Protein backbone atom coordinates (compact mmCIF):
# COMPACT_ATOMS: atom_id res chain seq x y z
CA UNK A 1 179.59 259.80 16.63
CA UNK A 2 179.66 257.20 19.41
CA UNK A 3 182.54 256.99 21.63
CA UNK A 4 185.39 258.36 19.67
CA UNK A 5 189.14 258.80 20.59
CA UNK A 6 188.36 262.93 21.22
CA UNK A 7 185.26 261.83 23.25
CA UNK A 8 186.90 259.61 25.38
CA UNK A 9 189.84 261.87 26.01
CA UNK A 10 187.30 264.52 26.92
CA UNK A 11 185.67 261.93 29.47
CA UNK A 12 189.35 260.92 30.71
CA UNK A 13 190.20 264.81 31.09
CA UNK A 14 186.86 265.41 32.81
CA UNK A 15 187.12 262.70 35.06
CA UNK A 16 190.51 263.70 36.03
CA UNK A 17 189.12 267.20 36.99
CA UNK A 18 186.25 265.96 38.87
CA UNK A 19 188.66 264.00 41.17
CA UNK A 20 190.83 266.94 41.67
CA UNK A 21 188.09 269.25 42.44
CA UNK A 22 186.74 266.68 44.72
CA UNK A 23 190.16 266.91 46.90
CA UNK A 24 189.83 270.79 46.93
CA UNK A 25 187.05 270.70 49.72
CA UNK A 26 185.79 273.91 51.29
CA UNK A 27 184.95 273.87 55.35
CA UNK A 28 181.36 275.28 55.62
CA UNK A 29 179.95 276.54 59.03
CA UNK A 30 178.42 273.73 61.29
CA UNK A 31 181.15 271.19 60.25
CA UNK A 32 180.16 270.13 56.64
CA UNK A 33 182.18 270.46 53.54
CA UNK A 34 181.78 271.46 49.71
CA UNK A 35 183.78 270.96 46.80
CA UNK A 36 183.28 271.16 42.99
CA UNK A 37 183.50 267.88 41.56
CA UNK A 38 179.82 267.64 41.28
CA UNK A 39 179.56 270.68 39.21
CA UNK A 40 181.89 269.26 36.75
CA UNK A 41 179.75 265.82 36.72
CA UNK A 42 176.58 268.27 35.78
CA UNK A 43 178.59 270.25 33.03
CA UNK A 44 179.51 266.99 31.72
CA UNK A 45 176.13 265.37 31.77
CA UNK A 46 174.68 268.60 29.86
CA UNK A 47 177.63 269.13 27.12
CA UNK A 48 178.68 265.30 26.75
CA UNK A 49 175.24 263.81 27.60
CA UNK A 50 174.13 261.57 30.29
CA UNK A 51 175.78 258.30 29.25
CA UNK A 52 179.24 260.22 29.04
CA UNK A 53 178.33 262.11 32.20
CA UNK A 54 177.69 258.92 33.78
CA UNK A 55 181.06 257.72 33.21
CA UNK A 56 182.72 261.07 34.27
CA UNK A 57 180.89 261.07 37.67
CA UNK A 58 181.61 257.31 38.19
CA UNK A 59 185.25 257.07 37.41
CA UNK A 60 186.09 260.78 38.95
CA UNK A 61 184.01 260.27 42.22
CA UNK A 62 185.68 256.92 42.79
CA UNK A 63 189.12 258.22 42.04
CA UNK A 64 188.83 261.24 44.24
CA UNK A 65 187.71 258.46 47.14
CA UNK A 66 190.81 256.69 46.48
CA UNK A 67 193.16 259.56 46.55
CA UNK A 68 191.52 260.80 49.70
CA UNK A 69 191.86 257.03 51.35
CA UNK A 70 188.01 256.48 51.36
CA UNK A 71 188.78 252.84 49.73
CA UNK A 72 185.56 251.24 51.09
CA UNK A 73 183.57 254.28 49.61
CA UNK A 74 184.70 253.90 46.27
CA UNK A 75 182.56 251.28 44.89
CA UNK A 76 179.63 252.82 46.27
CA UNK A 77 180.61 256.57 45.03
CA UNK A 78 181.21 254.90 41.47
CA UNK A 79 177.57 253.69 41.06
CA UNK A 80 176.46 256.59 43.05
CA UNK A 81 177.79 259.46 40.93
CA UNK A 82 177.20 257.75 37.91
CA UNK A 83 173.41 257.58 38.78
CA UNK A 84 173.51 261.37 39.53
CA UNK A 85 175.04 262.19 36.29
CA UNK A 86 172.83 259.88 34.33
CA UNK A 87 169.74 261.25 35.64
CA UNK A 88 170.86 264.88 35.25
CA UNK A 89 171.80 264.23 31.83
CA UNK A 90 168.36 262.71 31.11
CA UNK A 91 166.54 265.39 33.19
CA UNK A 92 168.27 268.19 31.08
CA UNK A 93 167.56 266.51 27.76
CA UNK A 94 164.20 266.09 28.49
CA UNK A 95 163.53 269.75 29.54
CA UNK A 96 165.26 270.95 26.85
CA UNK A 97 163.03 268.88 24.28
CA UNK A 98 159.67 269.94 26.15
CA UNK A 99 160.80 273.61 25.64
CA UNK A 100 162.41 273.63 22.40
CA UNK A 101 163.30 276.94 21.24
CA UNK A 102 161.60 278.70 24.24
CA UNK A 103 163.65 280.99 26.34
CA UNK A 104 166.92 281.26 24.83
CA UNK A 105 170.07 280.57 26.68
CA UNK A 106 168.25 281.98 29.94
CA UNK A 107 165.91 279.19 29.90
CA UNK A 108 168.86 276.48 29.24
CA UNK A 109 170.68 277.83 32.45
CA UNK A 110 167.82 277.34 34.13
CA UNK A 111 167.42 273.69 32.78
CA UNK A 112 170.89 272.85 33.87
CA UNK A 113 170.22 274.00 37.36
CA UNK A 114 167.11 271.89 37.74
CA UNK A 115 168.79 268.91 36.13
CA UNK A 116 171.72 269.18 38.57
CA UNK A 117 169.10 269.58 41.36
CA UNK A 118 167.73 266.44 40.33
CA UNK A 119 171.25 264.46 39.98
CA UNK A 120 172.28 265.94 43.48
CA UNK A 121 168.98 264.58 45.10
CA UNK A 122 169.71 261.14 43.67
CA UNK A 123 173.22 261.27 44.85
CA UNK A 124 172.29 262.42 48.46
CA UNK A 125 169.84 259.48 48.16
CA UNK A 126 172.31 257.09 47.34
CA UNK A 127 174.70 257.92 49.87
CA UNK A 128 172.02 258.12 52.60
CA UNK A 129 171.15 254.33 51.69
CA UNK A 130 174.88 253.37 51.34
CA UNK A 131 175.58 254.83 54.85
CA UNK A 132 172.63 253.63 56.71
CA UNK A 133 172.61 250.21 55.42
CA UNK A 134 176.30 249.49 55.12
CA UNK A 135 178.83 251.87 56.25
CA UNK A 136 177.59 253.21 59.41
CA UNK A 137 178.03 251.42 62.94
CA UNK A 138 174.89 253.25 64.20
CA UNK A 139 172.55 252.26 61.47
CA UNK A 140 170.81 255.05 59.78
CA UNK A 141 172.21 257.48 62.00
CA UNK A 142 175.37 257.91 59.89
CA UNK A 143 173.01 258.30 56.51
CA UNK A 144 171.12 261.04 58.63
CA UNK A 145 173.86 263.37 59.72
CA UNK A 146 175.40 263.49 56.20
CA UNK A 147 172.15 263.69 54.16
CA UNK A 148 171.54 267.63 54.69
CA UNK A 149 175.29 268.43 53.66
CA UNK A 150 174.91 265.99 50.59
CA UNK A 151 171.98 267.98 49.51
CA UNK A 152 173.49 271.17 50.03
CA UNK A 153 176.33 269.73 48.01
CA UNK A 154 174.11 268.81 45.29
CA UNK A 155 171.84 271.81 44.90
CA UNK A 156 175.00 274.36 45.09
CA UNK A 157 177.03 272.13 42.51
CA UNK A 158 173.93 272.61 40.53
CA UNK A 159 173.77 276.23 39.92
CA UNK A 160 177.53 276.49 39.71
CA UNK A 161 177.31 273.91 36.90
CA UNK A 162 174.64 276.07 35.19
CA UNK A 163 176.70 279.15 35.77
CA UNK A 164 179.71 277.67 34.00
CA UNK A 165 178.17 275.29 31.52
CA UNK A 166 175.60 277.85 29.89
CA UNK A 167 177.08 281.76 30.10
CA UNK A 168 180.66 280.55 29.59
CA UNK A 169 179.64 278.56 26.58
CA UNK A 170 181.23 275.20 27.62
CA UNK A 171 178.93 273.31 25.07
CA UNK A 172 180.36 275.23 22.11
CA UNK A 173 183.88 275.03 23.38
CA UNK A 174 183.16 270.94 23.75
CA UNK A 175 181.23 270.86 20.33
CA UNK A 176 184.59 272.47 18.72
CA UNK A 177 186.42 269.47 20.11
CA UNK A 178 184.41 266.85 19.10
CA UNK A 179 183.08 267.63 15.75
CA UNK A 180 185.25 268.38 12.38
CA UNK A 181 184.50 271.90 11.35
CA UNK A 182 182.40 270.94 8.32
CA UNK A 183 179.77 268.95 10.46
CA UNK A 184 179.30 271.56 12.93
CA UNK A 185 175.72 273.14 12.95
CA UNK A 186 174.69 276.65 13.64
CA UNK A 187 173.17 277.61 17.07
CA UNK A 188 170.87 280.31 17.76
CA UNK A 189 173.68 282.89 18.40
CA UNK A 190 175.11 282.05 14.59
CA UNK A 191 178.13 279.92 16.06
CA UNK A 192 178.91 276.53 15.30
CA UNK A 193 178.00 273.61 17.49
CA UNK A 194 177.11 270.23 17.89
CA UNK A 195 173.49 269.58 17.46
CA UNK A 196 173.66 265.68 16.26
CA UNK A 197 173.28 262.54 18.36
CA UNK A 198 176.14 260.49 19.00
CA UNK A 199 176.14 256.62 18.27
CA UNK A 200 175.92 256.16 22.16
CA UNK A 201 172.96 258.11 22.78
CA UNK A 202 174.58 261.17 24.01
CA UNK A 203 174.62 264.43 22.33
CA UNK A 204 175.82 267.92 23.14
CA UNK A 205 172.90 268.60 25.34
CA UNK A 206 173.15 272.59 25.70
CA UNK A 207 172.59 273.36 22.02
């Protein structure tokens, strides 16, 4: 399928949604913040595939930084969030193939959460390195201070993504947008969905 007009439009839409939800930060006890931007990144990685998810994560995250005025962070976010989505998408795909036809949608929900946690840890490590080496006047102090909050951000987003992507059938919605009706396959619930690989190495990963 490759990067069709529909897939590019979905990447643009999910990137914009990532940026918007990054702006809507929720204060946490202790001084940290949580936003839903990473949850959209993980949903994109699971439903659009790791490559498309990387575009969503990188572009959406960097756009959020630019809008918030964190211009200096934007290049780092572009790389870190892209890596986060790529890892999450690859881990989800590997788990799905390893445990093929086992556990149904409950298992896929767990796979989505585990994949998101893996991606979230990559994100936290990336910001730790960026802040410790390049952005903090106090050396590693800035990276260490923000590390627990970034880990919490990634782990919480992984579970939010699992709830959204699997039980609410985000995969089915996206497959119906990407594929014409005569090319959709039957999933385990008897509904049509995309099970074919795209030319860019992506696939609709939930089913």
